[in-house]
Each structure stands twice: as structure tokens, then as C-alpha cells.
Amino acid sequence: MALFFLLALILTAGSPPHAHARDSAPRRAGDHAHIAAVRNIDDRTQDIQVYSPAMRTTIPVRIILPKSWKSKRNARFPVVYLLHGGDDDYTSWTRETDVEDLTRNSEALIVMPDAGRNGYYSDWFAGKPRWETFHIRELVPLIERAYRGSSSRAVIGISMGGFGALVYAGRHPGMFRYAAAMSSYVDLFEPSVLLALHLGSQREGIDIKDVWGDPVVHHDVWRAHNPASMVTSYRRTHVHLSAGDGSPGPADGGRALDVLLASTLGEVTLPEQISKFAAALRSEGVRTTTHLYRPGTHSWPYWQQELHAVWPQVTRTLER
């Protein structure tokens, strides 16, 4: 605890106190979001531009249509949201994995929204951006209206996107039947996570206090976005957690030393906090599965393997 407050003081030092009030703009914007443009990539994959009142701009979203979407015109389809990690965008899952081939015979609608390179899947304390409002209150209803998505939903993310998957499932209990976090931090108050957030946001020119406020003064806001602080909220969701131990393996061959080092450091602290979180979930009766593997770094080859590993589980959960 003492280390937490020391790191919190580091976060507070060096910048003026924030006087931002929490955003009080209307939240019920779902019916006003609309598709501004559509670009067909192939017979199943589309890029759409969604105008978001919450964001006051258009946000790109990539969609993979279900196998029978065109032939079963009155059917509704389960939806799988794939969330990207930090310093990336909505194209990452199709760029880095074979998700299109994996889902070729699937009846699930795959939705890959943009979330900003460092958006943290949150409505920021500073007032903008408002990623949670866009994704949950605008995009989800829009997908159901325009693409015949059903209320059977899964959310899967890697790294920052894994955190987003847990935040969305926890803050909106029962909205997602399945939530998978791959290589994601799960406790914002872990000293290693707090330090990583500080260093990472500083590197990107972001003040982490703009996201959730000051970690001491606005402890309640941080707690409200902390998966480990809302374990009871997952009782209607199957939670899957996975991470490597940080050690390089054959999949890491040919990578530059600095990239490999970053991938190792990004993963090595995760298994311990994930194990603790998983134990807390199970103690509350949450259906929880884990995959802590060795070797495994913070990188796409392992997330591709994990996507294949969980896909049958995702399908079964959505069909129930």
C-alpha cells in the first residue's frame, strides 16, 4: 500500500492539479449514431465510418459478416467485438491474425472498432474522448439495427483491448456473455501497473490523470474502471484470462532485440495479477478460465494462437 501511494505521488508530481469536472453531457446518444460511409474490402469484410455524437466525429470500424448474413435476411446474429491494443487501430486483428479464415464458416458477426491509440476504453475524466459511450451506447445499438446483431455478445481484446473487454463487461453486467482478456493488466492499483501506465502515457504525451483523474484524489473513478475492484459484476459472464511468462520462444525468432525486450517486459508481471484476479472471480461464482503459458511474450503470434484456442469456447457460449 505504501508503494502504491508513492507511485501515486509520482503521478501527481510535475503537473498542475486538474480542475476538470466529470463529463455531464447527455449519455443517451445511441439513436443518433449513424453509418456515414461503407467500403467493401471483400465479400465478407467491410470498413464503415460511424458518426459518433459522443466523439463528434466519424470513427472507423471493420466488420466481418457472418456466413449466412446475406442469405438469411431475417436472421439475427451473435456479435463478437475484437478490441485492439495500445498504439494500434481497428485494422490490427485482420492485419496480424487469420481471423477472417478462422470465422469463415461462423454465424457470428465480427466487429472491430477503433479505440484511439491510447484511449483506454474509457470516457475520459477530462471530458473527451468518450470511448465507452461510443462503443457501448452508440455502436452496440447501431450494429443491432444496421447489421442484425443479436443480444448474444462476446468481447475479446489484447493488451489495452483486453483491459477494455474487462472494463466493458464489468461496468455493464450481463451485456456480454463472454469476455476474454489476452495479456492484459487487470488491477490498476498494482504498483507495476500504475508505474507502467505512468511511463507509457508519458511516452505518448498523455497525462494519465486526464483519463481517470488523480489516482488518490479521484480514487473512486479509478476504482470504477478497475476490473479487480468489480469481481461481482462478472457473474453473468464467462471470463477468460491469458498471458505468457515473458520468456521468448520460437515464435519470437527474428525480432529486433529492443522489440523483444519490450515484449518481454510487457508480459512478465501479468501472470501473478491474473492468477489473483481469477481466484477472486471464482470465489464469487464467476465462470472463469485461464491460460498461463510458457514461453510467451507480449506479441501477436501468441495472441493468434490464443484466438484459435478460445474460439470453440466463444462459439459455444454465444449459442447457449
C-alpha atoms as a PDB file:
ATOM      1  CA  MET A   1       0.000   0.000   0.000  1.00  0.00           C
ATOM      2  CA  ALA A   2       2.832   2.376   0.810  1.00  0.00           C
ATOM      3  CA  LEU A   3       4.353   1.678  -2.593  1.00  0.00           C
ATOM      4  CA  PHE A   4       1.016   2.470  -4.236  1.00  0.00           C
ATOM      5  CA  PHE A   5       0.857   5.898  -2.626  1.00  0.00           C
ATOM      6  CA  LEU A   6       4.494   6.560  -3.530  1.00  0.00           C
ATOM      7  CA  LEU A   7       3.723   5.835  -7.173  1.00  0.00           C
ATOM      8  CA  ALA A   8       0.550   7.903  -6.936  1.00  0.00           C
ATOM      9  CA  LEU A   9       2.635  10.843  -5.740  1.00  0.00           C
ATOM     10  CA  ILE A  10       4.901  10.355  -8.759  1.00  0.00           C
ATOM     11  CA  LEU A  11       1.814  10.598 -10.959  1.00  0.00           C
ATOM     12  CA  THR A  12       0.764  13.807  -9.210  1.00  0.00           C
ATOM     13  CA  ALA A  13       4.166  15.489  -9.308  1.00  0.00           C
ATOM     14  CA  GLY A  14       5.266  17.671 -12.165  1.00  0.00           C
ATOM     15  CA  SER A  15       1.893  18.836 -13.430  1.00  0.00           C
ATOM     16  CA  PRO A  16      -0.724  21.281 -12.152  1.00  0.00           C
ATOM     17  CA  PRO A  17      -3.775  19.936 -10.385  1.00  0.00           C
ATOM     18  CA  HIS A  18      -6.718  19.154 -12.651  1.00  0.00           C
ATOM     19  CA  ALA A  19      -9.884  21.163 -12.288  1.00  0.00           C
ATOM     20  CA  HIS A  20     -11.817  19.116 -14.854  1.00  0.00           C
ATOM     21  CA  ALA A  21     -15.343  18.164 -13.861  1.00  0.00           C
ATOM     22  CA  ARG A  22     -16.578  14.800 -14.976  1.00  0.00           C
ATOM     23  CA  ASP A  23     -18.358  14.961 -18.310  1.00  0.00           C
ATOM     24  CA  SER A  24     -22.014  15.815 -17.773  1.00  0.00           C
ATOM     25  CA  ALA A  25     -23.118  15.665 -21.426  1.00  0.00           C
ATOM     26  CA  PRO A  26     -26.178  13.534 -22.188  1.00  0.00           C
ATOM     27  CA  ARG A  27     -25.329   9.806 -22.421  1.00  0.00           C
ATOM     28  CA  ARG A  28     -28.295   8.547 -24.411  1.00  0.00           C
ATOM     29  CA  ALA A  29     -26.810   9.107 -27.857  1.00  0.00           C
ATOM     30  CA  GLY A  30     -27.317   5.627 -29.311  1.00  0.00           C
ATOM     31  CA  ASP A  31     -30.203   6.505 -31.627  1.00  0.00           C
ATOM     32  CA  HIS A  32     -28.270   9.329 -33.250  1.00  0.00           C
ATOM     33  CA  ALA A  33     -25.109   7.476 -34.281  1.00  0.00           C
ATOM     34  CA  HIS A  34     -25.196   6.502 -37.934  1.00  0.00           C
ATOM     35  CA  ILE A  35     -23.116   4.979 -40.693  1.00  0.00           C
ATOM     36  CA  ALA A  36     -21.578   7.760 -42.754  1.00  0.00           C
ATOM     37  CA  ALA A  37     -19.711   5.601 -45.282  1.00  0.00           C
ATOM     38  CA  VAL A  38     -19.148   1.969 -46.244  1.00  0.00           C
ATOM     39  CA  ARG A  39     -16.208   0.460 -48.084  1.00  0.00           C
ATOM     40  CA  ASN A  40     -16.341  -3.191 -49.148  1.00  0.00           C
ATOM     41  CA  ILE A  41     -12.967  -4.886 -48.764  1.00  0.00           C
ATOM     42  CA  ASP A  42     -14.171  -8.291 -49.977  1.00  0.00           C
ATOM     43  CA  ASP A  43     -17.420 -10.262 -49.995  1.00  0.00           C
ATOM     44  CA  ARG A  44     -17.441 -10.553 -46.178  1.00  0.00           C
ATOM     45  CA  THR A  45     -15.337  -7.687 -44.856  1.00  0.00           C
ATOM     46  CA  GLN A  46     -16.353  -4.042 -44.704  1.00  0.00           C
ATOM     47  CA  ASP A  47     -14.916  -0.863 -43.295  1.00  0.00           C
ATOM     48  CA  ILE A  48     -17.579   1.545 -42.092  1.00  0.00           C
ATOM     49  CA  GLN A  49     -17.304   5.085 -40.854  1.00  0.00           C
ATOM     50  CA  VAL A  50     -19.625   5.652 -37.907  1.00  0.00           C
ATOM     51  CA  TYR A  51     -20.581   9.171 -36.995  1.00  0.00           C
ATOM     52  CA  SER A  52     -20.496   9.423 -33.194  1.00  0.00           C
ATOM     53  CA  PRO A  53     -22.276  12.263 -31.399  1.00  0.00           C
ATOM     54  CA  ALA A  54     -20.259  11.419 -28.294  1.00  0.00           C
ATOM     55  CA  MET A  55     -16.974  11.801 -30.166  1.00  0.00           C
ATOM     56  CA  ARG A  56     -18.279  14.496 -32.545  1.00  0.00           C
ATOM     57  CA  THR A  57     -16.537  12.843 -35.450  1.00  0.00           C
ATOM     58  CA  THR A  58     -16.571   9.662 -37.514  1.00  0.00           C
ATOM     59  CA  ILE A  59     -14.862   6.551 -36.139  1.00  0.00           C
ATOM     60  CA  PRO A  60     -13.716   3.659 -38.345  1.00  0.00           C
ATOM     61  CA  VAL A  61     -14.991   0.152 -37.639  1.00  0.00           C
ATOM     62  CA  ARG A  62     -14.091  -3.051 -39.508  1.00  0.00           C
ATOM     63  CA  ILE A  63     -16.768  -5.734 -39.809  1.00  0.00           C
ATOM     64  CA  ILE A  64     -16.660  -9.367 -40.918  1.00  0.00           C
ATOM     65  CA  LEU A  65     -20.099 -10.619 -41.914  1.00  0.00           C
ATOM     66  CA  PRO A  66     -21.493 -13.988 -40.769  1.00  0.00           C
ATOM     67  CA  LYS A  67     -21.577 -16.875 -43.203  1.00  0.00           C
ATOM     68  CA  SER A  68     -25.337 -16.616 -43.724  1.00  0.00           C
ATOM     69  CA  TRP A  69     -25.754 -12.865 -43.349  1.00  0.00           C
ATOM     70  CA  LYS A  70     -26.722 -12.342 -46.993  1.00  0.00           C
ATOM     71  CA  SER A  71     -28.810 -15.494 -47.465  1.00  0.00           C
ATOM     72  CA  LYS A  72     -30.760 -15.328 -44.168  1.00  0.00           C
ATOM     73  CA  ARG A  73     -32.075 -11.804 -44.439  1.00  0.00           C
ATOM     74  CA  ASN A  74     -34.431 -12.035 -41.481  1.00  0.00           C
ATOM     75  CA  ALA A  75     -31.986 -13.706 -39.113  1.00  0.00           C
ATOM     76  CA  ARG A  76     -30.147 -12.045 -36.240  1.00  0.00           C
ATOM     77  CA  PHE A  77     -26.573 -12.994 -35.454  1.00  0.00           C
ATOM     78  CA  PRO A  78     -24.413 -13.120 -32.312  1.00  0.00           C
ATOM     79  CA  VAL A  79     -21.727 -10.446 -32.184  1.00  0.00           C
ATOM     80  CA  VAL A  80     -18.055 -10.746 -31.269  1.00  0.00           C
ATOM     81  CA  TYR A  81     -16.271  -7.465 -30.556  1.00  0.00           C
ATOM     82  CA  LEU A  82     -12.499  -7.621 -31.057  1.00  0.00           C
ATOM     83  CA  LEU A  83     -10.663  -4.779 -29.319  1.00  0.00           C
ATOM     84  CA  HIS A  84      -7.184  -3.644 -30.338  1.00  0.00           C
ATOM     85  CA  GLY A  85      -4.264  -2.812 -28.089  1.00  0.00           C
ATOM     86  CA  GLY A  86      -2.419   0.430 -27.438  1.00  0.00           C
ATOM     87  CA  ASP A  87      -0.531   2.191 -30.212  1.00  0.00           C
ATOM     88  CA  ASP A  88      -2.665   0.373 -32.779  1.00  0.00           C
ATOM     89  CA  ASP A  89      -6.009   0.636 -34.544  1.00  0.00           C
ATOM     90  CA  TYR A  90      -9.096  -1.177 -35.811  1.00  0.00           C
ATOM     91  CA  THR A  91      -7.175  -2.959 -38.600  1.00  0.00           C
ATOM     92  CA  SER A  92      -4.878  -4.851 -36.238  1.00  0.00           C
ATOM     93  CA  TRP A  93      -6.853  -8.090 -35.903  1.00  0.00           C
ATOM     94  CA  THR A  94      -7.118  -8.647 -39.668  1.00  0.00           C
ATOM     95  CA  ARG A  95      -3.562  -7.415 -40.205  1.00  0.00           C
ATOM     96  CA  GLU A  96      -1.961  -9.652 -37.582  1.00  0.00           C
ATOM     97  CA  THR A  97      -4.199 -12.749 -37.404  1.00  0.00           C
ATOM     98  CA  ASP A  98      -6.171 -15.055 -39.677  1.00  0.00           C
ATOM     99  CA  VAL A  99      -9.486 -14.105 -38.082  1.00  0.00           C
ATOM    100  CA  GLU A 100     -11.158 -13.957 -41.489  1.00  0.00           C
ATOM    101  CA  ASP A 101     -10.254 -17.566 -42.278  1.00  0.00           C
ATOM    102  CA  LEU A 102     -10.969 -18.710 -38.718  1.00  0.00           C
ATOM    103  CA  THR A 103     -14.517 -17.338 -38.890  1.00  0.00           C
ATOM    104  CA  ARG A 104     -15.245 -18.243 -42.499  1.00  0.00           C
ATOM    105  CA  ASN A 105     -17.929 -20.768 -41.528  1.00  0.00           C
ATOM    106  CA  SER A 106     -19.116 -18.883 -38.471  1.00  0.00           C
ATOM    107  CA  GLU A 107     -22.521 -17.348 -37.935  1.00  0.00           C
ATOM    108  CA  ALA A 108     -21.053 -14.662 -35.687  1.00  0.00           C
ATOM    109  CA  LEU A 109     -20.774 -11.034 -36.720  1.00  0.00           C
ATOM    110  CA  ILE A 110     -17.217  -9.821 -36.026  1.00  0.00           C
ATOM    111  CA  VAL A 111     -16.910  -6.131 -35.130  1.00  0.00           C
ATOM    112  CA  MET A 112     -13.527  -4.411 -34.736  1.00  0.00           C
ATOM    113  CA  PRO A 113     -13.935  -0.767 -33.664  1.00  0.00           C
ATOM    114  CA  ASP A 114     -11.243   1.827 -33.403  1.00  0.00           C
ATOM    115  CA  ALA A 115     -10.496   2.995 -29.867  1.00  0.00           C
ATOM    116  CA  GLY A 116      -7.693   5.500 -30.232  1.00  0.00           C
ATOM    117  CA  ARG A 117      -4.036   4.642 -29.957  1.00  0.00           C
ATOM    118  CA  ASN A 118      -4.186   5.219 -26.207  1.00  0.00           C
ATOM    119  CA  GLY A 119      -7.866   5.648 -25.443  1.00  0.00           C
ATOM    120  CA  TYR A 120      -8.053   3.191 -22.511  1.00  0.00           C
ATOM    121  CA  TYR A 121     -11.628   2.268 -23.454  1.00  0.00           C
ATOM    122  CA  SER A 122     -12.974   4.981 -21.169  1.00  0.00           C
ATOM    123  CA  ASP A 123     -14.881   8.224 -21.118  1.00  0.00           C
ATOM    124  CA  TRP A 124     -12.019  10.443 -20.001  1.00  0.00           C
ATOM    125  CA  PHE A 125     -12.163  12.410 -16.781  1.00  0.00           C
ATOM    126  CA  ALA A 126     -11.018  15.422 -18.797  1.00  0.00           C
ATOM    127  CA  GLY A 127     -14.309  15.293 -20.737  1.00  0.00           C
ATOM    128  CA  LYS A 128     -13.084  13.849 -24.019  1.00  0.00           C
ATOM    129  CA  PRO A 129     -12.618  11.489 -25.707  1.00  0.00           C
ATOM    130  CA  ARG A 130     -15.656   9.377 -24.775  1.00  0.00           C
ATOM    131  CA  TRP A 131     -14.772   5.910 -25.984  1.00  0.00           C
ATOM    132  CA  GLU A 132     -17.044   3.981 -23.642  1.00  0.00           C
ATOM    133  CA  THR A 133     -20.098   5.985 -24.675  1.00  0.00           C
ATOM    134  CA  PHE A 134     -19.264   5.485 -28.336  1.00  0.00           C
ATOM    135  CA  HIS A 135     -18.676   1.727 -28.069  1.00  0.00           C
ATOM    136  CA  ILE A 136     -21.431   0.797 -25.621  1.00  0.00           C
ATOM    137  CA  ARG A 137     -24.225   3.333 -26.097  1.00  0.00           C
ATOM    138  CA  GLU A 138     -23.784   4.126 -29.778  1.00  0.00           C
ATOM    139  CA  LEU A 139     -22.005   1.322 -31.641  1.00  0.00           C
ATOM    140  CA  VAL A 140     -23.698  -1.683 -29.996  1.00  0.00           C
ATOM    141  CA  PRO A 141     -27.253  -0.429 -30.771  1.00  0.00           C
ATOM    142  CA  LEU A 142     -26.159   0.598 -34.273  1.00  0.00           C
ATOM    143  CA  ILE A 143     -24.770  -2.875 -35.017  1.00  0.00           C
ATOM    144  CA  GLU A 144     -28.050  -4.388 -33.874  1.00  0.00           C
ATOM    145  CA  ARG A 145     -30.075  -2.053 -36.089  1.00  0.00           C
ATOM    146  CA  ALA A 146     -27.940  -1.961 -39.215  1.00  0.00           C
ATOM    147  CA  TYR A 147     -26.326  -5.416 -39.188  1.00  0.00           C
ATOM    148  CA  ARG A 148     -28.959  -7.510 -37.394  1.00  0.00           C
ATOM    149  CA  GLY A 149     -26.734  -8.200 -34.433  1.00  0.00           C
ATOM    150  CA  SER A 150     -28.406 -10.033 -31.557  1.00  0.00           C
ATOM    151  CA  SER A 151     -28.094  -9.559 -27.812  1.00  0.00           C
ATOM    152  CA  SER A 152     -25.753 -12.568 -27.615  1.00  0.00           C
ATOM    153  CA  ARG A 153     -22.376 -10.826 -27.408  1.00  0.00           C
ATOM    154  CA  ALA A 154     -18.726 -11.575 -26.710  1.00  0.00           C
ATOM    155  CA  VAL A 155     -15.858  -9.150 -26.280  1.00  0.00           C
ATOM    156  CA  ILE A 156     -12.204 -10.112 -26.749  1.00  0.00           C
ATOM    157  CA  GLY A 157      -9.155  -7.887 -26.514  1.00  0.00           C
ATOM    158  CA  ILE A 158      -5.389  -7.918 -26.366  1.00  0.00           C
ATOM    159  CA  SER A 159      -3.290  -5.785 -24.025  1.00  0.00           C
ATOM    160  CA  MET A 160      -5.119  -2.440 -23.655  1.00  0.00           C
ATOM    161  CA  GLY A 161      -8.014  -4.037 -25.526  1.00  0.00           C
ATOM    162  CA  GLY A 162      -8.098  -6.886 -23.013  1.00  0.00           C
ATOM    163  CA  PHE A 163      -8.433  -4.293 -20.286  1.00  0.00           C
ATOM    164  CA  GLY A 164     -11.232  -2.735 -22.344  1.00  0.00           C
ATOM    165  CA  ALA A 165     -13.019  -6.077 -22.627  1.00  0.00           C
ATOM    166  CA  LEU A 166     -12.962  -6.493 -18.850  1.00  0.00           C
ATOM    167  CA  VAL A 167     -13.946  -2.883 -18.173  1.00  0.00           C
ATOM    168  CA  TYR A 168     -16.927  -3.048 -20.530  1.00  0.00           C
ATOM    169  CA  ALA A 169     -18.121  -6.423 -19.228  1.00  0.00           C
ATOM    170  CA  GLY A 170     -17.689  -5.289 -15.623  1.00  0.00           C
ATOM    171  CA  ARG A 171     -19.267  -1.864 -15.959  1.00  0.00           C
ATOM    172  CA  HIS A 172     -22.218  -3.277 -17.934  1.00  0.00           C
ATOM    173  CA  PRO A 173     -23.102  -6.542 -16.174  1.00  0.00           C
ATOM    174  CA  GLY A 174     -24.771  -9.115 -18.385  1.00  0.00           C
ATOM    175  CA  MET A 175     -24.164  -7.223 -21.600  1.00  0.00           C
ATOM    176  CA  PHE A 176     -21.522  -9.723 -22.736  1.00  0.00           C
ATOM    177  CA  ARG A 177     -21.849 -13.468 -22.300  1.00  0.00           C
ATOM    178  CA  TYR A 178     -18.122 -13.933 -22.811  1.00  0.00           C
ATOM    179  CA  ALA A 179     -15.146 -11.652 -22.135  1.00  0.00           C
ATOM    180  CA  ALA A 180     -11.553 -12.589 -22.903  1.00  0.00           C
ATOM    181  CA  ALA A 181      -8.505 -10.544 -21.937  1.00  0.00           C
ATOM    182  CA  MET A 182      -5.223 -11.598 -23.534  1.00  0.00           C
ATOM    183  CA  SER A 183      -2.040 -10.217 -21.963  1.00  0.00           C
ATOM    184  CA  SER A 184      -3.905  -7.505 -20.106  1.00  0.00           C
ATOM    185  CA  TYR A 185      -3.360  -5.814 -16.768  1.00  0.00           C
ATOM    186  CA  VAL A 186      -6.356  -6.450 -14.521  1.00  0.00           C
ATOM    187  CA  ASP A 187      -5.648  -4.308 -11.455  1.00  0.00           C
ATOM    188  CA  LEU A 188      -4.959  -0.602 -11.898  1.00  0.00           C
ATOM    189  CA  PHE A 189      -3.749  -0.373  -8.288  1.00  0.00           C
ATOM    190  CA  GLU A 190      -0.951  -2.913  -8.692  1.00  0.00           C
ATOM    191  CA  PRO A 191       2.288  -0.897  -8.340  1.00  0.00           C
ATOM    192  CA  SER A 192       3.751  -2.370 -11.544  1.00  0.00           C
ATOM    193  CA  VAL A 193       0.607  -1.396 -13.482  1.00  0.00           C
ATOM    194  CA  LEU A 194       0.481   2.085 -12.009  1.00  0.00           C
ATOM    195  CA  LEU A 195       4.110   2.647 -12.939  1.00  0.00           C
ATOM    196  CA  ALA A 196       3.601   1.220 -16.449  1.00  0.00           C
ATOM    197  CA  LEU A 197       0.599   3.484 -17.010  1.00  0.00           C
ATOM    198  CA  HIS A 198       2.603   6.493 -15.889  1.00  0.00           C
ATOM    199  CA  LEU A 199       5.626   5.707 -18.069  1.00  0.00           C
ATOM    200  CA  GLY A 200       3.580   4.604 -21.067  1.00  0.00           C
ATOM    201  CA  SER A 201       1.280   7.610 -21.082  1.00  0.00           C
ATOM    202  CA  GLN A 202       4.217   9.946 -20.538  1.00  0.00           C
ATOM    203  CA  ARG A 203       5.975   8.420 -23.540  1.00  0.00           C
ATOM    204  CA  GLU A 204       2.888   9.046 -25.683  1.00  0.00           C
ATOM    205  CA  GLY A 205       2.460  12.620 -24.461  1.00  0.00           C
ATOM    206  CA  ILE A 206      -0.663  11.758 -22.443  1.00  0.00           C
ATOM    207  CA  ASP A 207      -1.353  12.695 -18.846  1.00  0.00           C
ATOM    208  CA  ILE A 208      -2.939   9.631 -17.244  1.00  0.00           C
ATOM    209  CA  LYS A 209      -4.849  11.952 -14.897  1.00  0.00           C
ATOM    210  CA  ASP A 210      -6.798  13.127 -17.942  1.00  0.00           C
ATOM    211  CA  VAL A 211      -8.144   9.574 -18.230  1.00  0.00           C
ATOM    212  CA  TRP A 212      -9.347   8.818 -14.671  1.00  0.00           C
ATOM    213  CA  GLY A 213      -8.279  11.820 -12.629  1.00  0.00           C
ATOM    214  CA  ASP A 214      -5.714  11.781  -9.857  1.00  0.00           C
ATOM    215  CA  PRO A 215      -5.287   8.210  -8.509  1.00  0.00           C
ATOM    216  CA  VAL A 216      -5.504   9.378  -4.888  1.00  0.00           C
ATOM    217  CA  VAL A 217      -7.938  12.289  -5.045  1.00  0.00           C
ATOM    218  CA  HIS A 218     -10.197  10.514  -7.546  1.00  0.00           C
ATOM    219  CA  HIS A 219      -9.704   7.014  -6.226  1.00  0.00           C
ATOM    220  CA  ASP A 220     -13.408   6.284  -6.827  1.00  0.00           C
ATOM    221  CA  VAL A 221     -13.066   6.948 -10.561  1.00  0.00           C
ATOM    222  CA  TRP A 222     -10.052   4.654 -10.833  1.00  0.00           C
ATOM    223  CA  ARG A 223     -11.887   2.004  -8.840  1.00  0.00           C
ATOM    224  CA  ALA A 224     -14.921   2.277 -11.119  1.00  0.00           C
ATOM    225  CA  HIS A 225     -12.678   1.368 -14.078  1.00  0.00           C
ATOM    226  CA  ASN A 226     -10.670  -1.324 -12.297  1.00  0.00           C
ATOM    227  CA  PRO A 227     -11.594  -4.938 -13.175  1.00  0.00           C
ATOM    228  CA  ALA A 228     -10.163  -6.257  -9.912  1.00  0.00           C
ATOM    229  CA  SER A 229     -12.491  -3.941  -7.970  1.00  0.00           C
ATOM    230  CA  MET A 230     -15.712  -5.218  -9.544  1.00  0.00           C
ATOM    231  CA  VAL A 231     -15.472  -9.021  -9.451  1.00  0.00           C
ATOM    232  CA  THR A 232     -19.159  -9.476  -8.565  1.00  0.00           C
ATOM    233  CA  SER A 233     -20.180  -7.728 -11.788  1.00  0.00           C
ATOM    234  CA  TYR A 234     -18.984 -10.681 -13.899  1.00  0.00           C
ATOM    235  CA  ARG A 235     -21.416 -13.285 -12.540  1.00  0.00           C
ATOM    236  CA  ARG A 236     -23.347 -13.441 -15.829  1.00  0.00           C
ATOM    237  CA  THR A 237     -20.205 -13.508 -17.972  1.00  0.00           C
ATOM    238  CA  HIS A 238     -17.715 -16.247 -18.790  1.00  0.00           C
ATOM    239  CA  VAL A 239     -14.324 -14.599 -18.184  1.00  0.00           C
ATOM    240  CA  HIS A 240     -11.199 -15.928 -19.873  1.00  0.00           C
ATOM    241  CA  LEU A 241      -7.760 -14.627 -18.898  1.00  0.00           C
ATOM    242  CA  SER A 242      -4.457 -15.482 -20.562  1.00  0.00           C
ATOM    243  CA  ALA A 243      -0.834 -14.364 -20.611  1.00  0.00           C
ATOM    244  CA  GLY A 244       2.662 -15.659 -21.171  1.00  0.00           C
ATOM    245  CA  ASP A 245       5.511 -15.614 -18.695  1.00  0.00           C
ATOM    246  CA  GLY A 246       7.589 -13.159 -20.721  1.00  0.00           C
ATOM    247  CA  SER A 247      10.167 -15.663 -21.917  1.00  0.00           C
ATOM    248  CA  PRO A 248      10.880 -15.710 -25.674  1.00  0.00           C
ATOM    249  CA  GLY A 249      10.056 -18.797 -27.723  1.00  0.00           C
ATOM    250  CA  PRO A 250      10.277 -19.962 -31.328  1.00  0.00           C
ATOM    251  CA  ALA A 251       7.531 -17.508 -32.342  1.00  0.00           C
ATOM    252  CA  ASP A 252       9.840 -14.628 -31.367  1.00  0.00           C
ATOM    253  CA  GLY A 253      12.599 -15.570 -33.794  1.00  0.00           C
ATOM    254  CA  GLY A 254      13.957 -12.779 -35.980  1.00  0.00           C
ATOM    255  CA  ARG A 255      12.615  -9.948 -33.869  1.00  0.00           C
ATOM    256  CA  ALA A 256      14.844  -6.967 -33.096  1.00  0.00           C
ATOM    257  CA  LEU A 257      16.385  -7.049 -29.615  1.00  0.00           C
ATOM    258  CA  ASP A 258      14.688  -3.833 -28.434  1.00  0.00           C
ATOM    259  CA  VAL A 259      11.277  -5.058 -29.625  1.00  0.00           C
ATOM    260  CA  LEU A 260      11.836  -8.425 -27.967  1.00  0.00           C
ATOM    261  CA  LEU A 261      12.860  -6.766 -24.705  1.00  0.00           C
ATOM    262  CA  ALA A 262       9.735  -4.593 -24.710  1.00  0.00           C
ATOM    263  CA  SER A 263       7.579  -7.654 -25.398  1.00  0.00           C
ATOM    264  CA  THR A 264       9.192  -9.497 -22.501  1.00  0.00           C
ATOM    265  CA  LEU A 265       8.773  -6.636 -20.033  1.00  0.00           C
ATOM    266  CA  GLY A 266       5.182  -6.117 -21.165  1.00  0.00           C
ATOM    267  CA  GLU A 267       4.250  -9.675 -20.166  1.00  0.00           C
ATOM    268  CA  VAL A 268       6.399 -10.775 -17.253  1.00  0.00           C
ATOM    269  CA  THR A 269       4.342  -9.185 -14.446  1.00  0.00           C
ATOM    270  CA  LEU A 270       0.948 -10.337 -15.724  1.00  0.00           C
ATOM    271  CA  PRO A 271       0.596 -13.989 -14.593  1.00  0.00           C
ATOM    272  CA  GLU A 272       0.711 -13.141 -10.895  1.00  0.00           C
ATOM    273  CA  GLN A 273      -2.010 -10.482 -11.013  1.00  0.00           C
ATOM    274  CA  ILE A 274      -4.120 -12.584 -13.387  1.00  0.00           C
ATOM    275  CA  SER A 275      -3.935 -15.574 -11.024  1.00  0.00           C
ATOM    276  CA  LYS A 276      -5.038 -13.397  -8.113  1.00  0.00           C
ATOM    277  CA  PHE A 277      -7.898 -11.908 -10.135  1.00  0.00           C
ATOM    278  CA  ALA A 278      -9.019 -15.338 -11.367  1.00  0.00           C
ATOM    279  CA  ALA A 279      -9.115 -16.639  -7.792  1.00  0.00           C
ATOM    280  CA  ALA A 280     -11.262 -13.670  -6.743  1.00  0.00           C
ATOM    281  CA  LEU A 281     -13.651 -14.252  -9.643  1.00  0.00           C
ATOM    282  CA  ARG A 282     -14.033 -17.936  -8.843  1.00  0.00           C
ATOM    283  CA  SER A 283     -14.680 -17.160  -5.194  1.00  0.00           C
ATOM    284  CA  GLU A 284     -17.687 -15.115  -6.351  1.00  0.00           C
ATOM    285  CA  GLY A 285     -19.010 -17.914  -8.541  1.00  0.00           C
ATOM    286  CA  VAL A 286     -17.893 -16.389 -11.848  1.00  0.00           C
ATOM    287  CA  ARG A 287     -17.239 -18.913 -14.587  1.00  0.00           C
ATOM    288  CA  THR A 288     -13.526 -18.307 -15.144  1.00  0.00           C
ATOM    289  CA  THR A 289     -10.951 -19.982 -17.379  1.00  0.00           C
ATOM    290  CA  THR A 290      -7.265 -19.164 -17.568  1.00  0.00           C
ATOM    291  CA  HIS A 291      -4.333 -19.998 -19.797  1.00  0.00           C
ATOM    292  CA  LEU A 292      -0.944 -19.011 -18.401  1.00  0.00           C
ATOM    293  CA  TYR A 293       1.619 -20.300 -20.841  1.00  0.00           C
ATOM    294  CA  ARG A 294       5.362 -20.646 -21.203  1.00  0.00           C
ATOM    295  CA  PRO A 295       7.082 -19.375 -23.294  1.00  0.00           C
ATOM    296  CA  GLY A 296       5.170 -16.286 -24.279  1.00  0.00           C
ATOM    297  CA  THR A 297       5.862 -12.611 -24.871  1.00  0.00           C
ATOM    298  CA  HIS A 298       3.609  -9.597 -25.350  1.00  0.00           C
ATOM    299  CA  SER A 299       3.164 -10.126 -29.060  1.00  0.00           C
ATOM    300  CA  TRP A 300       0.786 -11.164 -31.810  1.00  0.00           C
ATOM    301  CA  PRO A 301       1.999 -14.733 -32.528  1.00  0.00           C
ATOM    302  CA  TYR A 302       0.782 -15.762 -29.072  1.00  0.00           C
ATOM    303  CA  TRP A 303      -2.495 -13.839 -29.355  1.00  0.00           C
ATOM    304  CA  GLN A 304      -3.159 -15.522 -32.706  1.00  0.00           C
ATOM    305  CA  GLN A 305      -2.707 -18.915 -31.033  1.00  0.00           C
ATOM    306  CA  GLU A 306      -4.942 -17.869 -28.163  1.00  0.00           C
ATOM    307  CA  LEU A 307      -7.694 -16.697 -30.515  1.00  0.00           C
ATOM    308  CA  HIS A 308      -7.740 -20.156 -32.098  1.00  0.00           C
ATOM    309  CA  ALA A 309      -7.720 -21.800 -28.668  1.00  0.00           C
ATOM    310  CA  VAL A 310     -10.731 -19.863 -27.329  1.00  0.00           C
ATOM    311  CA  TRP A 311     -12.829 -19.724 -30.492  1.00  0.00           C
ATOM    312  CA  PRO A 312     -14.736 -23.001 -29.887  1.00  0.00           C
ATOM    313  CA  GLN A 313     -15.450 -21.786 -26.344  1.00  0.00           C
ATOM    314  CA  VAL A 314     -16.690 -18.438 -27.655  1.00  0.00           C
ATOM    315  CA  THR A 315     -18.968 -20.135 -30.179  1.00  0.00           C
ATOM    316  CA  ARG A 316     -20.478 -22.478 -27.587  1.00  0.00           C
ATOM    317  CA  THR A 317     -21.123 -19.611 -25.167  1.00  0.00           C
ATOM    318  CA  LEU A 318     -22.837 -17.454 -27.787  1.00  0.00           C
ATOM    319  CA  GLU A 319     -25.059 -20.322 -28.947  1.00  0.00           C
ATOM    320  CA  ARG A 320     -26.428 -21.091 -25.477  1.00  0.00           C
END
